[in-house]
Amino acid sequence: MRELLRGLLDLALPPICGRCEGAVLRGEALCRRCDRALPRTEGDAPPLPGLAACVAALAYEGEVLRWIRRFKYPLPGIYGLDPAAMSVARSFVREAAARVPGPPPQLLVPVPLHPRRL
């Protein structure tokens, strides 16, 4: 039943790329061309004391920086409802989580806002 509802939703509102509005595969946030344009990291940093691993799938620069800011600091009111930013941020988290050595992480902890931003 769930697949049928998803199929109907995709028919009424086809999934589109959050960047170029081109076609995407179901469950993806960006099309392949836009995804390949993102700056990937080469290796992971050595873990800090108390951490099992420290991974980053994408470099925090350029378009990645803009997507994260768009997700983290939404516009006020109805303009802040930004499903593209949420979807892209989710894809960034999945990609980073896939690089964690060993079993998948049980918990992801965000970097907290500065008290003035909060």
PDB file of N, CA and C in Angstrom:
ATOM      1  N   MET A   1       0.817  -1.189   0.000  1.00  0.00           N
ATOM      2  CA  MET A   1       0.000   0.000   0.000  1.00  0.00           C
ATOM      3  C   MET A   1       0.866   1.261   0.000  1.00  0.00           C
ATOM      4  N   ARG A   2       1.935   1.227   0.799  1.00  0.00           N
ATOM      5  CA  ARG A   2       2.833   2.379   0.885  1.00  0.00           C
ATOM      6  C   ARG A   2       3.462   2.688  -0.466  1.00  0.00           C
ATOM      7  N   GLU A   3       3.877   1.641  -1.207  1.00  0.00           N
ATOM      8  CA  GLU A   3       4.475   1.833  -2.532  1.00  0.00           C
ATOM      9  C   GLU A   3       3.475   2.455  -3.500  1.00  0.00           C
ATOM     10  N   LEU A   4       2.228   2.032  -3.407  1.00  0.00           N
ATOM     11  CA  LEU A   4       1.188   2.593  -4.267  1.00  0.00           C
ATOM     12  C   LEU A   4       1.006   4.081  -3.979  1.00  0.00           C
ATOM     13  N   LEU A   5       0.956   4.444  -2.711  1.00  0.00           N
ATOM     14  CA  LEU A   5       0.811   5.852  -2.349  1.00  0.00           C
ATOM     15  C   LEU A   5       2.018   6.672  -2.799  1.00  0.00           C
ATOM     16  N   ARG A   6       3.217   6.115  -2.631  1.00  0.00           N
ATOM     17  CA  ARG A   6       4.424   6.814  -3.106  1.00  0.00           C
ATOM     18  C   ARG A   6       4.392   7.004  -4.611  1.00  0.00           C
ATOM     19  N   GLY A   7       3.961   5.968  -5.319  1.00  0.00           N
ATOM     20  CA  GLY A   7       3.869   6.061  -6.770  1.00  0.00           C
ATOM     21  C   GLY A   7       2.884   7.129  -7.208  1.00  0.00           C
ATOM     22  N   LEU A   8       1.744   7.204  -6.533  1.00  0.00           N
ATOM     23  CA  LEU A   8       0.758   8.239  -6.849  1.00  0.00           C
ATOM     24  C   LEU A   8       1.301   9.633  -6.537  1.00  0.00           C
ATOM     25  N   LEU A   9       2.002   9.753  -5.416  1.00  0.00           N
ATOM     26  CA  LEU A   9       2.601  11.037  -5.055  1.00  0.00           C
ATOM     27  C   LEU A   9       3.657  11.443  -6.078  1.00  0.00           C
ATOM     28  N   ASP A  10       4.490  10.491  -6.509  1.00  0.00           N
ATOM     29  CA  ASP A  10       5.504  10.783  -7.527  1.00  0.00           C
ATOM     30  C   ASP A  10       4.863  11.184  -8.849  1.00  0.00           C
ATOM     31  N   LEU A  11       3.722  10.615  -9.143  1.00  0.00           N
ATOM     32  CA  LEU A  11       3.013  10.957 -10.366  1.00  0.00           C
ATOM     33  C   LEU A  11       2.465  12.389 -10.286  1.00  0.00           C
ATOM     34  N   ALA A  12       1.891  12.735  -9.130  1.00  0.00           N
ATOM     35  CA  ALA A  12       1.314  14.077  -8.952  1.00  0.00           C
ATOM     36  C   ALA A  12       2.399  15.130  -8.756  1.00  0.00           C
ATOM     37  N   LEU A  13       3.406  14.802  -7.966  1.00  0.00           N
ATOM     38  CA  LEU A  13       4.516  15.718  -7.672  1.00  0.00           C
ATOM     39  C   LEU A  13       5.823  14.983  -7.917  1.00  0.00           C
ATOM     40  N   PRO A  14       6.304  14.945  -9.148  1.00  0.00           N
ATOM     41  CA  PRO A  14       7.525  14.181  -9.428  1.00  0.00           C
ATOM     42  C   PRO A  14       8.711  14.726  -8.637  1.00  0.00           C
ATOM     43  N   PRO A  15       9.559  13.821  -8.158  1.00  0.00           N
ATOM     44  CA  PRO A  15      10.731  14.278  -7.416  1.00  0.00           C
ATOM     45  C   PRO A  15      11.672  15.056  -8.338  1.00  0.00           C
ATOM     46  N   ILE A  16      12.129  16.212  -7.847  1.00  0.00           N
ATOM     47  CA  ILE A  16      13.026  17.050  -8.645  1.00  0.00           C
ATOM     48  C   ILE A  16      14.273  17.373  -7.843  1.00  0.00           C
ATOM     49  N   CYS A  17      15.326  17.712  -8.547  1.00  0.00           N
ATOM     50  CA  CYS A  17      16.599  18.084  -7.945  1.00  0.00           C
ATOM     51  C   CYS A  17      16.420  19.391  -7.174  1.00  0.00           C
ATOM     52  N   GLY A  18      16.958  19.436  -5.967  1.00  0.00           N
ATOM     53  CA  GLY A  18      16.867  20.634  -5.153  1.00  0.00           C
ATOM     54  C   GLY A  18      17.691  21.788  -5.681  1.00  0.00           C
ATOM     55  N   ARG A  19      18.580  21.522  -6.622  1.00  0.00           N
ATOM     56  CA  ARG A  19      19.460  22.570  -7.152  1.00  0.00           C
ATOM     57  C   ARG A  19      19.017  23.037  -8.538  1.00  0.00           C
ATOM     58  N   CYS A  20      18.857  22.101  -9.471  1.00  0.00           N
ATOM     59  CA  CYS A  20      18.572  22.486 -10.862  1.00  0.00           C
ATOM     60  C   CYS A  20      17.142  22.175 -11.283  1.00  0.00           C
ATOM     61  N   GLU A  21      16.380  21.516 -10.404  1.00  0.00           N
ATOM     62  CA  GLU A  21      15.000  21.118 -10.657  1.00  0.00           C
ATOM     63  C   GLU A  21      14.867  20.084 -11.776  1.00  0.00           C
ATOM     64  N   GLY A  22      15.974  19.382 -12.081  1.00  0.00           N
ATOM     65  CA  GLY A  22      15.920  18.280 -13.023  1.00  0.00           C
ATOM     66  C   GLY A  22      15.359  17.035 -12.343  1.00  0.00           C
ATOM     67  N   ALA A  23      15.176  15.984 -13.098  1.00  0.00           N
ATOM     68  CA  ALA A  23      14.629  14.735 -12.564  1.00  0.00           C
ATOM     69  C   ALA A  23      15.647  14.039 -11.673  1.00  0.00           C
ATOM     70  N   VAL A  24      15.158  13.424 -10.612  1.00  0.00           N
ATOM     71  CA  VAL A  24      15.996  12.643  -9.702  1.00  0.00           C
ATOM     72  C   VAL A  24      15.365  11.280  -9.476  1.00  0.00           C
ATOM     73  N   LEU A  25      16.157  10.360  -8.993  1.00  0.00           N
ATOM     74  CA  LEU A  25      15.634   9.062  -8.599  1.00  0.00           C
ATOM     75  C   LEU A  25      14.876   9.223  -7.288  1.00  0.00           C
ATOM     76  N   ARG A  26      13.898   8.388  -7.061  1.00  0.00           N
ATOM     77  CA  ARG A  26      13.133   8.465  -5.817  1.00  0.00           C
ATOM     78  C   ARG A  26      14.067   8.337  -4.615  1.00  0.00           C
ATOM     79  N   GLY A  27      13.883   9.195  -3.656  1.00  0.00           N
ATOM     80  CA  GLY A  27      14.688   9.161  -2.447  1.00  0.00           C
ATOM     81  C   GLY A  27      15.958   9.986  -2.533  1.00  0.00           C
ATOM     82  N   GLU A  28      16.284  10.499  -3.705  1.00  0.00           N
ATOM     83  CA  GLU A  28      17.481  11.319  -3.863  1.00  0.00           C
ATOM     84  C   GLU A  28      17.109  12.791  -3.755  1.00  0.00           C
ATOM     85  N   ALA A  29      18.058  13.614  -3.294  1.00  0.00           N
ATOM     86  CA  ALA A  29      17.811  15.045  -3.135  1.00  0.00           C
ATOM     87  C   ALA A  29      18.315  15.838  -4.336  1.00  0.00           C
ATOM     88  N   LEU A  30      19.386  15.351  -4.943  1.00  0.00           N
ATOM     89  CA  LEU A  30      20.002  16.041  -6.076  1.00  0.00           C
ATOM     90  C   LEU A  30      20.125  15.070  -7.247  1.00  0.00           C
ATOM     91  N   CYS A  31      20.128  15.616  -8.468  1.00  0.00           N
ATOM     92  CA  CYS A  31      20.370  14.767  -9.634  1.00  0.00           C
ATOM     93  C   CYS A  31      21.842  14.352  -9.628  1.00  0.00           C
ATOM     94  N   ARG A  32      22.184  13.387 -10.441  1.00  0.00           N
ATOM     95  CA  ARG A  32      23.565  12.881 -10.454  1.00  0.00           C
ATOM     96  C   ARG A  32      24.574  13.969 -10.820  1.00  0.00           C
ATOM     97  N   ARG A  33      24.219  14.817 -11.785  1.00  0.00           N
ATOM     98  CA  ARG A  33      25.137  15.878 -12.224  1.00  0.00           C
ATOM     99  C   ARG A  33      25.407  16.867 -11.073  1.00  0.00           C
ATOM    100  N   CYS A  34      24.368  17.291 -10.381  1.00  0.00           N
ATOM    101  CA  CYS A  34      24.534  18.237  -9.275  1.00  0.00           C
ATOM    102  C   CYS A  34      25.261  17.587  -8.102  1.00  0.00           C
ATOM    103  N   ASP A  35      24.963  16.314  -7.846  1.00  0.00           N
ATOM    104  CA  ASP A  35      25.632  15.606  -6.757  1.00  0.00           C
ATOM    105  C   ASP A  35      27.124  15.460  -7.034  1.00  0.00           C
ATOM    106  N   ARG A  36      27.481  15.138  -8.280  1.00  0.00           N
ATOM    107  CA  ARG A  36      28.901  14.979  -8.632  1.00  0.00           C
ATOM    108  C   ARG A  36      29.666  16.298  -8.544  1.00  0.00           C
ATOM    109  N   ALA A  37      28.964  17.429  -8.630  1.00  0.00           N
ATOM    110  CA  ALA A  37      29.615  18.738  -8.582  1.00  0.00           C
ATOM    111  C   ALA A  37      29.993  19.155  -7.159  1.00  0.00           C
ATOM    112  N   LEU A  38      29.493  18.435  -6.150  1.00  0.00           N
ATOM    113  CA  LEU A  38      29.798  18.804  -4.766  1.00  0.00           C
ATOM    114  C   LEU A  38      31.241  18.430  -4.420  1.00  0.00           C
ATOM    115  N   PRO A  39      31.911  19.255  -3.599  1.00  0.00           N
ATOM    116  CA  PRO A  39      33.306  18.962  -3.237  1.00  0.00           C
ATOM    117  C   PRO A  39      33.402  17.837  -2.212  1.00  0.00           C
ATOM    118  N   ARG A  40      33.906  16.700  -2.636  1.00  0.00           N
ATOM    119  CA  ARG A  40      34.084  15.551  -1.744  1.00  0.00           C
ATOM    120  C   ARG A  40      35.425  15.655  -1.017  1.00  0.00           C
ATOM    121  N   THR A  41      35.494  15.053   0.166  1.00  0.00           N
ATOM    122  CA  THR A  41      36.748  15.011   0.916  1.00  0.00           C
ATOM    123  C   THR A  41      37.515  13.757   0.528  1.00  0.00           C
ATOM    124  N   GLU A  42      38.809  13.814   0.637  1.00  0.00           N
ATOM    125  CA  GLU A  42      39.668  12.680   0.275  1.00  0.00           C
ATOM    126  C   GLU A  42      39.782  11.667   1.407  1.00  0.00           C
ATOM    127  N   GLY A  43      40.186  12.116   2.579  1.00  0.00           N
ATOM    128  CA  GLY A  43      40.370  11.209   3.704  1.00  0.00           C
ATOM    129  C   GLY A  43      39.685  11.767   4.929  1.00  0.00           C
ATOM    130  N   ASP A  44      39.596  10.945   5.952  1.00  0.00           N
ATOM    131  CA  ASP A  44      38.956  11.380   7.186  1.00  0.00           C
ATOM    132  C   ASP A  44      40.008  11.847   8.176  1.00  0.00           C
ATOM    133  N   ALA A  45      39.619  12.792   9.002  1.00  0.00           N
ATOM    134  CA  ALA A  45      40.512  13.321  10.028  1.00  0.00           C
ATOM    135  C   ALA A  45      40.691  12.274  11.115  1.00  0.00           C
ATOM    136  N   PRO A  46      41.842  12.299  11.789  1.00  0.00           N
ATOM    137  CA  PRO A  46      42.005  11.375  12.919  1.00  0.00           C
ATOM    138  C   PRO A  46      40.993  11.738  14.007  1.00  0.00           C
ATOM    139  N   PRO A  47      40.416  10.733  14.668  1.00  0.00           N
ATOM    140  CA  PRO A  47      39.402  11.034  15.684  1.00  0.00           C
ATOM    141  C   PRO A  47      39.986  11.812  16.855  1.00  0.00           C
ATOM    142  N   LEU A  48      39.175  12.695  17.388  1.00  0.00           N
ATOM    143  CA  LEU A  48      39.552  13.461  18.571  1.00  0.00           C
ATOM    144  C   LEU A  48      39.429  12.574  19.799  1.00  0.00           C
ATOM    145  N   PRO A  49      40.083  12.928  20.897  1.00  0.00           N
ATOM    146  CA  PRO A  49      39.956  12.114  22.114  1.00  0.00           C
ATOM    147  C   PRO A  49      38.483  11.951  22.509  1.00  0.00           C
ATOM    148  N   GLY A  50      38.094  10.715  22.789  1.00  0.00           N
ATOM    149  CA  GLY A  50      36.729  10.422  23.191  1.00  0.00           C
ATOM    150  C   GLY A  50      35.800  10.084  22.033  1.00  0.00           C
ATOM    151  N   LEU A  51      36.286  10.215  20.803  1.00  0.00           N
ATOM    152  CA  LEU A  51      35.462   9.881  19.640  1.00  0.00           C
ATOM    153  C   LEU A  51      36.002   8.629  18.968  1.00  0.00           C
ATOM    154  N   ALA A  52      35.096   7.792  18.486  1.00  0.00           N
ATOM    155  CA  ALA A  52      35.514   6.579  17.784  1.00  0.00           C
ATOM    156  C   ALA A  52      35.954   6.904  16.364  1.00  0.00           C
ATOM    157  N   ALA A  53      35.370   7.943  15.765  1.00  0.00           N
ATOM    158  CA  ALA A  53      35.699   8.303  14.394  1.00  0.00           C
ATOM    159  C   ALA A  53      35.318   9.759  14.161  1.00  0.00           C
ATOM    160  N   CYS A  54      35.938  10.330  13.166  1.00  0.00           N
ATOM    161  CA  CYS A  54      35.611  11.694  12.755  1.00  0.00           C
ATOM    162  C   CYS A  54      35.597  11.693  11.226  1.00  0.00           C
ATOM    163  N   VAL A  55      34.405  11.764  10.644  1.00  0.00           N
ATOM    164  CA  VAL A  55      34.283  11.672   9.195  1.00  0.00           C
ATOM    165  C   VAL A  55      33.575  12.897   8.631  1.00  0.00           C
ATOM    166  N   ALA A  56      33.905  13.203   7.417  1.00  0.00           N
ATOM    167  CA  ALA A  56      33.219  14.253   6.655  1.00  0.00           C
ATOM    168  C   ALA A  56      33.242  13.806   5.200  1.00  0.00           C
ATOM    169  N   ALA A  57      32.088  13.622   4.629  1.00  0.00           N
ATOM    170  CA  ALA A  57      32.002  13.176   3.250  1.00  0.00           C
ATOM    171  C   ALA A  57      32.201  14.323   2.278  1.00  0.00           C
ATOM    172  N   LEU A  58      31.870  15.528   2.720  1.00  0.00           N
ATOM    173  CA  LEU A  58      31.920  16.700   1.852  1.00  0.00           C
ATOM    174  C   LEU A  58      32.720  17.809   2.502  1.00  0.00           C
ATOM    175  N   ALA A  59      33.388  18.583   1.680  1.00  0.00           N
ATOM    176  CA  ALA A  59      34.143  19.731   2.189  1.00  0.00           C
ATOM    177  C   ALA A  59      33.159  20.854   2.525  1.00  0.00           C
ATOM    178  N   TYR A  60      33.354  21.475   3.663  1.00  0.00           N
ATOM    179  CA  TYR A  60      32.471  22.548   4.132  1.00  0.00           C
ATOM    180  C   TYR A  60      32.865  23.846   3.448  1.00  0.00           C
ATOM    181  N   GLU A  61      32.501  23.944   2.180  1.00  0.00           N
ATOM    182  CA  GLU A  61      32.848  25.118   1.374  1.00  0.00           C
ATOM    183  C   GLU A  61      31.859  25.233   0.226  1.00  0.00           C
ATOM    184  N   GLY A  62      31.826  26.390  -0.406  1.00  0.00           N
ATOM    185  CA  GLY A  62      31.018  26.600  -1.596  1.00  0.00           C
ATOM    186  C   GLY A  62      29.568  26.194  -1.427  1.00  0.00           C
ATOM    187  N   GLU A  63      29.110  25.359  -2.333  1.00  0.00           N
ATOM    188  CA  GLU A  63      27.694  24.978  -2.340  1.00  0.00           C
ATOM    189  C   GLU A  63      27.293  24.164  -1.115  1.00  0.00           C
ATOM    190  N   VAL A  64      28.184  23.338  -0.609  1.00  0.00           N
ATOM    191  CA  VAL A  64      27.871  22.562   0.599  1.00  0.00           C
ATOM    192  C   VAL A  64      27.616  23.527   1.758  1.00  0.00           C
ATOM    193  N   LEU A  65      28.458  24.509   1.902  1.00  0.00           N
ATOM    194  CA  LEU A  65      28.293  25.524   2.941  1.00  0.00           C
ATOM    195  C   LEU A  65      26.936  26.224   2.786  1.00  0.00           C
ATOM    196  N   ARG A  66      26.581  26.589   1.567  1.00  0.00           N
ATOM    197  CA  ARG A  66      25.295  27.259   1.333  1.00  0.00           C
ATOM    198  C   ARG A  66      24.115  26.354   1.678  1.00  0.00           C
ATOM    199  N   TRP A  67      24.185  25.056   1.318  1.00  0.00           N
ATOM    200  CA  TRP A  67      23.090  24.139   1.649  1.00  0.00           C
ATOM    201  C   TRP A  67      22.948  23.984   3.158  1.00  0.00           C
ATOM    202  N   ILE A  68      24.067  23.848   3.847  1.00  0.00           N
ATOM    203  CA  ILE A  68      24.007  23.668   5.304  1.00  0.00           C
ATOM    204  C   ILE A  68      23.439  24.915   5.973  1.00  0.00           C
ATOM    205  N   ARG A  69      23.847  26.076   5.516  1.00  0.00           N
ATOM    206  CA  ARG A  69      23.293  27.318   6.077  1.00  0.00           C
ATOM    207  C   ARG A  69      21.805  27.437   5.759  1.00  0.00           C
ATOM    208  N   ARG A  70      21.427  27.061   4.571  1.00  0.00           N
ATOM    209  CA  ARG A  70      20.006  27.118   4.180  1.00  0.00           C
ATOM    210  C   ARG A  70      19.171  26.199   5.066  1.00  0.00           C
ATOM    211  N   PHE A  71      19.731  25.031   5.428  1.00  0.00           N
ATOM    212  CA  PHE A  71      19.048  24.095   6.313  1.00  0.00           C
ATOM    213  C   PHE A  71      19.049  24.604   7.754  1.00  0.00           C
ATOM    214  N   LYS A  72      20.200  25.079   8.212  1.00  0.00           N
ATOM    215  CA  LYS A  72      20.374  25.432   9.616  1.00  0.00           C
ATOM    216  C   LYS A  72      19.701  26.753   9.992  1.00  0.00           C
ATOM    217  N   TYR A  73      19.643  27.676   9.058  1.00  0.00           N
ATOM    218  CA  TYR A  73      19.076  28.998   9.338  1.00  0.00           C
ATOM    219  C   TYR A  73      17.928  29.287   8.368  1.00  0.00           C
ATOM    220  N   PRO A  74      16.773  28.642   8.563  1.00  0.00           N
ATOM    221  CA  PRO A  74      15.656  28.860   7.634  1.00  0.00           C
ATOM    222  C   PRO A  74      15.119  30.282   7.735  1.00  0.00           C
ATOM    223  N   LEU A  75      14.508  30.727   6.661  1.00  0.00           N
ATOM    224  CA  LEU A  75      13.865  32.031   6.648  1.00  0.00           C
ATOM    225  C   LEU A  75      12.670  32.012   7.593  1.00  0.00           C
ATOM    226  N   PRO A  76      12.255  33.165   8.111  1.00  0.00           N
ATOM    227  CA  PRO A  76      11.105  33.178   9.012  1.00  0.00           C
ATOM    228  C   PRO A  76       9.802  32.896   8.261  1.00  0.00           C
ATOM    229  N   GLY A  77       8.831  32.421   9.006  1.00  0.00           N
ATOM    230  CA  GLY A  77       7.498  32.204   8.450  1.00  0.00           C
ATOM    231  C   GLY A  77       7.429  31.059   7.466  1.00  0.00           C
ATOM    232  N   ILE A  78       6.477  31.161   6.563  1.00  0.00           N
ATOM    233  CA  ILE A  78       6.237  30.093   5.584  1.00  0.00           C
ATOM    234  C   ILE A  78       7.419  29.922   4.640  1.00  0.00           C
ATOM    235  N   TYR A  79       8.208  30.982   4.444  1.00  0.00           N
ATOM    236  CA  TYR A  79       9.380  30.879   3.567  1.00  0.00           C
ATOM    237  C   TYR A  79      10.436  29.933   4.147  1.00  0.00           C
ATOM    238  N   GLY A  80      10.356  29.697   5.444  1.00  0.00           N
ATOM    239  CA  GLY A  80      11.302  28.798   6.082  1.00  0.00           C
ATOM    240  C   GLY A  80      11.014  27.327   5.837  1.00  0.00           C
ATOM    241  N   LEU A  81       9.843  27.022   5.288  1.00  0.00           N
ATOM    242  CA  LEU A  81       9.521  25.637   4.952  1.00  0.00           C
ATOM    243  C   LEU A  81      10.265  25.292   3.673  1.00  0.00           C
ATOM    244  N   ASP A  82      11.393  24.644   3.822  1.00  0.00           N
ATOM    245  CA  ASP A  82      12.292  24.397   2.698  1.00  0.00           C
ATOM    246  C   ASP A  82      12.587  22.908   2.578  1.00  0.00           C
ATOM    247  N   PRO A  83      11.713  22.134   1.918  1.00  0.00           N
ATOM    248  CA  PRO A  83      11.947  20.698   1.831  1.00  0.00           C
ATOM    249  C   PRO A  83      13.224  20.340   1.082  1.00  0.00           C
ATOM    250  N   ALA A  84      13.659  21.182   0.148  1.00  0.00           N
ATOM    251  CA  ALA A  84      14.904  20.884  -0.576  1.00  0.00           C
ATOM    252  C   ALA A  84      16.080  20.895   0.379  1.00  0.00           C
ATOM    253  N   ALA A  85      16.151  21.907   1.249  1.00  0.00           N
ATOM    254  CA  ALA A  85      17.263  21.989   2.204  1.00  0.00           C
ATOM    255  C   ALA A  85      17.254  20.795   3.156  1.00  0.00           C
ATOM    256  N   MET A  86      16.086  20.402   3.625  1.00  0.00           N
ATOM    257  CA  MET A  86      15.972  19.250   4.520  1.00  0.00           C
ATOM    258  C   MET A  86      16.418  17.974   3.804  1.00  0.00           C
ATOM    259  N   SER A  87      15.994  17.791   2.592  1.00  0.00           N
ATOM    260  CA  SER A  87      16.332  16.603   1.822  1.00  0.00           C
ATOM    261  C   SER A  87      17.828  16.533   1.524  1.00  0.00           C
ATOM    262  N   VAL A  88      18.425  17.655   1.123  1.00  0.00           N
ATOM    263  CA  VAL A  88      19.857  17.687   0.824  1.00  0.00           C
ATOM    264  C   VAL A  88      20.668  17.454   2.095  1.00  0.00           C
ATOM    265  N   ALA A  89      20.270  18.075   3.201  1.00  0.00           N
ATOM    266  CA  ALA A  89      20.977  17.867   4.476  1.00  0.00           C
ATOM    267  C   ALA A  89      20.919  16.396   4.880  1.00  0.00           C
ATOM    268  N   ARG A  90      19.769  15.775   4.685  1.00  0.00           N
ATOM    269  CA  ARG A  90      19.627  14.345   4.989  1.00  0.00           C
ATOM    270  C   ARG A  90      20.579  13.503   4.140  1.00  0.00           C
ATOM    271  N   SER A  91      20.724  13.865   2.867  1.00  0.00           N
ATOM    272  CA  SER A  91      21.623  13.103   1.996  1.00  0.00           C
ATOM    273  C   SER A  91      23.078  13.288   2.431  1.00  0.00           C
ATOM    274  N   PHE A  92      23.440  14.485   2.911  1.00  0.00           N
ATOM    275  CA  PHE A  92      24.792  14.718   3.419  1.00  0.00           C
ATOM    276  C   PHE A  92      25.060  13.827   4.637  1.00  0.00           C
ATOM    277  N   VAL A  93      24.079  13.729   5.531  1.00  0.00           N
ATOM    278  CA  VAL A  93      24.234  12.908   6.735  1.00  0.00           C
ATOM    279  C   VAL A  93      24.378  11.438   6.359  1.00  0.00           C
ATOM    280  N   ARG A  94      23.536  10.963   5.419  1.00  0.00           N
ATOM    281  CA  ARG A  94      23.638   9.558   4.994  1.00  0.00           C
ATOM    282  C   ARG A  94      25.002   9.255   4.398  1.00  0.00           C
ATOM    283  N   GLU A  95      25.515  10.176   3.590  1.00  0.00           N
ATOM    284  CA  GLU A  95      26.812   9.949   2.955  1.00  0.00           C
ATOM    285  C   GLU A  95      27.930   9.909   3.989  1.00  0.00           C
ATOM    286  N   ALA A  96      27.889  10.806   4.964  1.00  0.00           N
ATOM    287  CA  ALA A  96      28.912  10.805   6.013  1.00  0.00           C
ATOM    288  C   ALA A  96      28.790   9.557   6.880  1.00  0.00           C
ATOM    289  N   ALA A  97      27.565   9.178   7.235  1.00  0.00           N
ATOM    290  CA  ALA A  97      27.354   7.991   8.078  1.00  0.00           C
ATOM    291  C   ALA A  97      27.862   6.729   7.394  1.00  0.00           C
ATOM    292  N   ALA A  98      27.765   6.672   6.069  1.00  0.00           N
ATOM    293  CA  ALA A  98      28.234   5.494   5.336  1.00  0.00           C
ATOM    294  C   ALA A  98      29.754   5.353   5.400  1.00  0.00           C
ATOM    295  N   ARG A  99      30.457   6.442   5.713  1.00  0.00           N
ATOM    296  CA  ARG A  99      31.919   6.392   5.771  1.00  0.00           C
ATOM    297  C   ARG A  99      32.460   6.041   7.154  1.00  0.00           C
ATOM    298  N   VAL A 100      31.583   5.958   8.144  1.00  0.00           N
ATOM    299  CA  VAL A 100      32.025   5.633   9.502  1.00  0.00           C
ATOM    300  C   VAL A 100      32.508   4.184   9.523  1.00  0.00           C
ATOM    301  N   PRO A 101      33.717   3.947  10.035  1.00  0.00           N
ATOM    302  CA  PRO A 101      34.196   2.561  10.101  1.00  0.00           C
ATOM    303  C   PRO A 101      33.382   1.749  11.109  1.00  0.00           C
ATOM    304  N   GLY A 102      33.216   0.477  10.798  1.00  0.00           N
ATOM    305  CA  GLY A 102      32.478  -0.403  11.705  1.00  0.00           C
ATOM    306  C   GLY A 102      30.985  -0.314  11.483  1.00  0.00           C
ATOM    307  N   PRO A 103      30.205  -0.651  12.520  1.00  0.00           N
ATOM    308  CA  PRO A 103      28.745  -0.631  12.374  1.00  0.00           C
ATOM    309  C   PRO A 103      28.229   0.806  12.203  1.00  0.00           C
ATOM    310  N   PRO A 104      27.025   0.939  11.658  1.00  0.00           N
ATOM    311  CA  PRO A 104      26.468   2.284  11.462  1.00  0.00           C
ATOM    312  C   PRO A 104      26.343   3.026  12.796  1.00  0.00           C
ATOM    313  N   PRO A 105      26.462   4.332  12.760  1.00  0.00           N
ATOM    314  CA  PRO A 105      26.355   5.095  14.015  1.00  0.00           C
ATOM    315  C   PRO A 105      24.956   4.996  14.597  1.00  0.00           C
ATOM    316  N   GLN A 106      24.883   5.013  15.921  1.00  0.00           N
ATOM    317  CA  GLN A 106      23.597   4.970  16.600  1.00  0.00           C
ATOM    318  C   GLN A 106      23.070   6.370  16.876  1.00  0.00           C
ATOM    319  N   LEU A 107      23.969   7.350  16.859  1.00  0.00           N
ATOM    320  CA  LEU A 107      23.575   8.697  17.233  1.00  0.00           C
ATOM    321  C   LEU A 107      24.424   9.711  16.478  1.00  0.00           C
ATOM    322  N   LEU A 108      23.786  10.741  15.976  1.00  0.00           N
ATOM    323  CA  LEU A 108      24.481  11.862  15.369  1.00  0.00           C
ATOM    324  C   LEU A 108      24.187  13.089  16.217  1.00  0.00           C
ATOM    325  N   VAL A 109      25.214  13.833  16.547  1.00  0.00           N
ATOM    326  CA  VAL A 109      25.041  14.996  17.407  1.00  0.00           C
ATOM    327  C   VAL A 109      25.379  16.247  16.618  1.00  0.00           C
ATOM    328  N   PRO A 110      24.419  17.194  16.526  1.00  0.00           N
ATOM    329  CA  PRO A 110      24.709  18.424  15.779  1.00  0.00           C
ATOM    330  C   PRO A 110      25.620  19.351  16.565  1.00  0.00           C
ATOM    331  N   VAL A 111      26.300  20.198  15.841  1.00  0.00           N
ATOM    332  CA  VAL A 111      27.087  21.236  16.498  1.00  0.00           C
ATOM    333  C   VAL A 111      26.092  22.295  16.958  1.00  0.00           C
ATOM    334  N   PRO A 112      26.089  22.634  18.248  1.00  0.00           N
ATOM    335  CA  PRO A 112      25.084  23.579  18.731  1.00  0.00           C
ATOM    336  C   PRO A 112      25.313  24.989  18.211  1.00  0.00           C
ATOM    337  N   LEU A 113      24.232  25.756  18.171  1.00  0.00           N
ATOM    338  CA  LEU A 113      24.311  27.155  17.775  1.00  0.00           C
ATOM    339  C   LEU A 113      25.024  27.967  18.849  1.00  0.00           C
ATOM    340  N   HIS A 114      25.632  29.034  18.433  1.00  0.00           N
ATOM    341  CA  HIS A 114      26.181  29.996  19.374  1.00  0.00           C
ATOM    342  C   HIS A 114      24.995  30.596  20.143  1.00  0.00           C
ATOM    343  N   PRO A 115      25.152  30.906  21.418  1.00  0.00           N
ATOM    344  CA  PRO A 115      24.022  31.444  22.194  1.00  0.00           C
ATOM    345  C   PRO A 115      23.350  32.667  21.551  1.00  0.00           C
ATOM    346  N   ARG A 116      24.112  33.520  20.880  1.00  0.00           N
ATOM    347  CA  ARG A 116      23.507  34.686  20.227  1.00  0.00           C
ATOM    348  C   ARG A 116      22.600  34.264  19.068  1.00  0.00           C
ATOM    349  N   ARG A 117      22.966  33.210  18.339  1.00  0.00           N
ATOM    350  CA  ARG A 117      22.136  32.739  17.219  1.00  0.00           C
ATOM    351  C   ARG A 117      20.895  32.021  17.738  1.00  0.00           C
ATOM    352  N   LEU A 118      21.036  31.343  18.892  1.00  0.00           N
ATOM    353  CA  LEU A 118      19.913  30.614  19.459  1.00  0.00           C
ATOM    354  C   LEU A 118      18.823  31.586  19.850  1.00  0.00           C
TER     355      LEU A 118
END
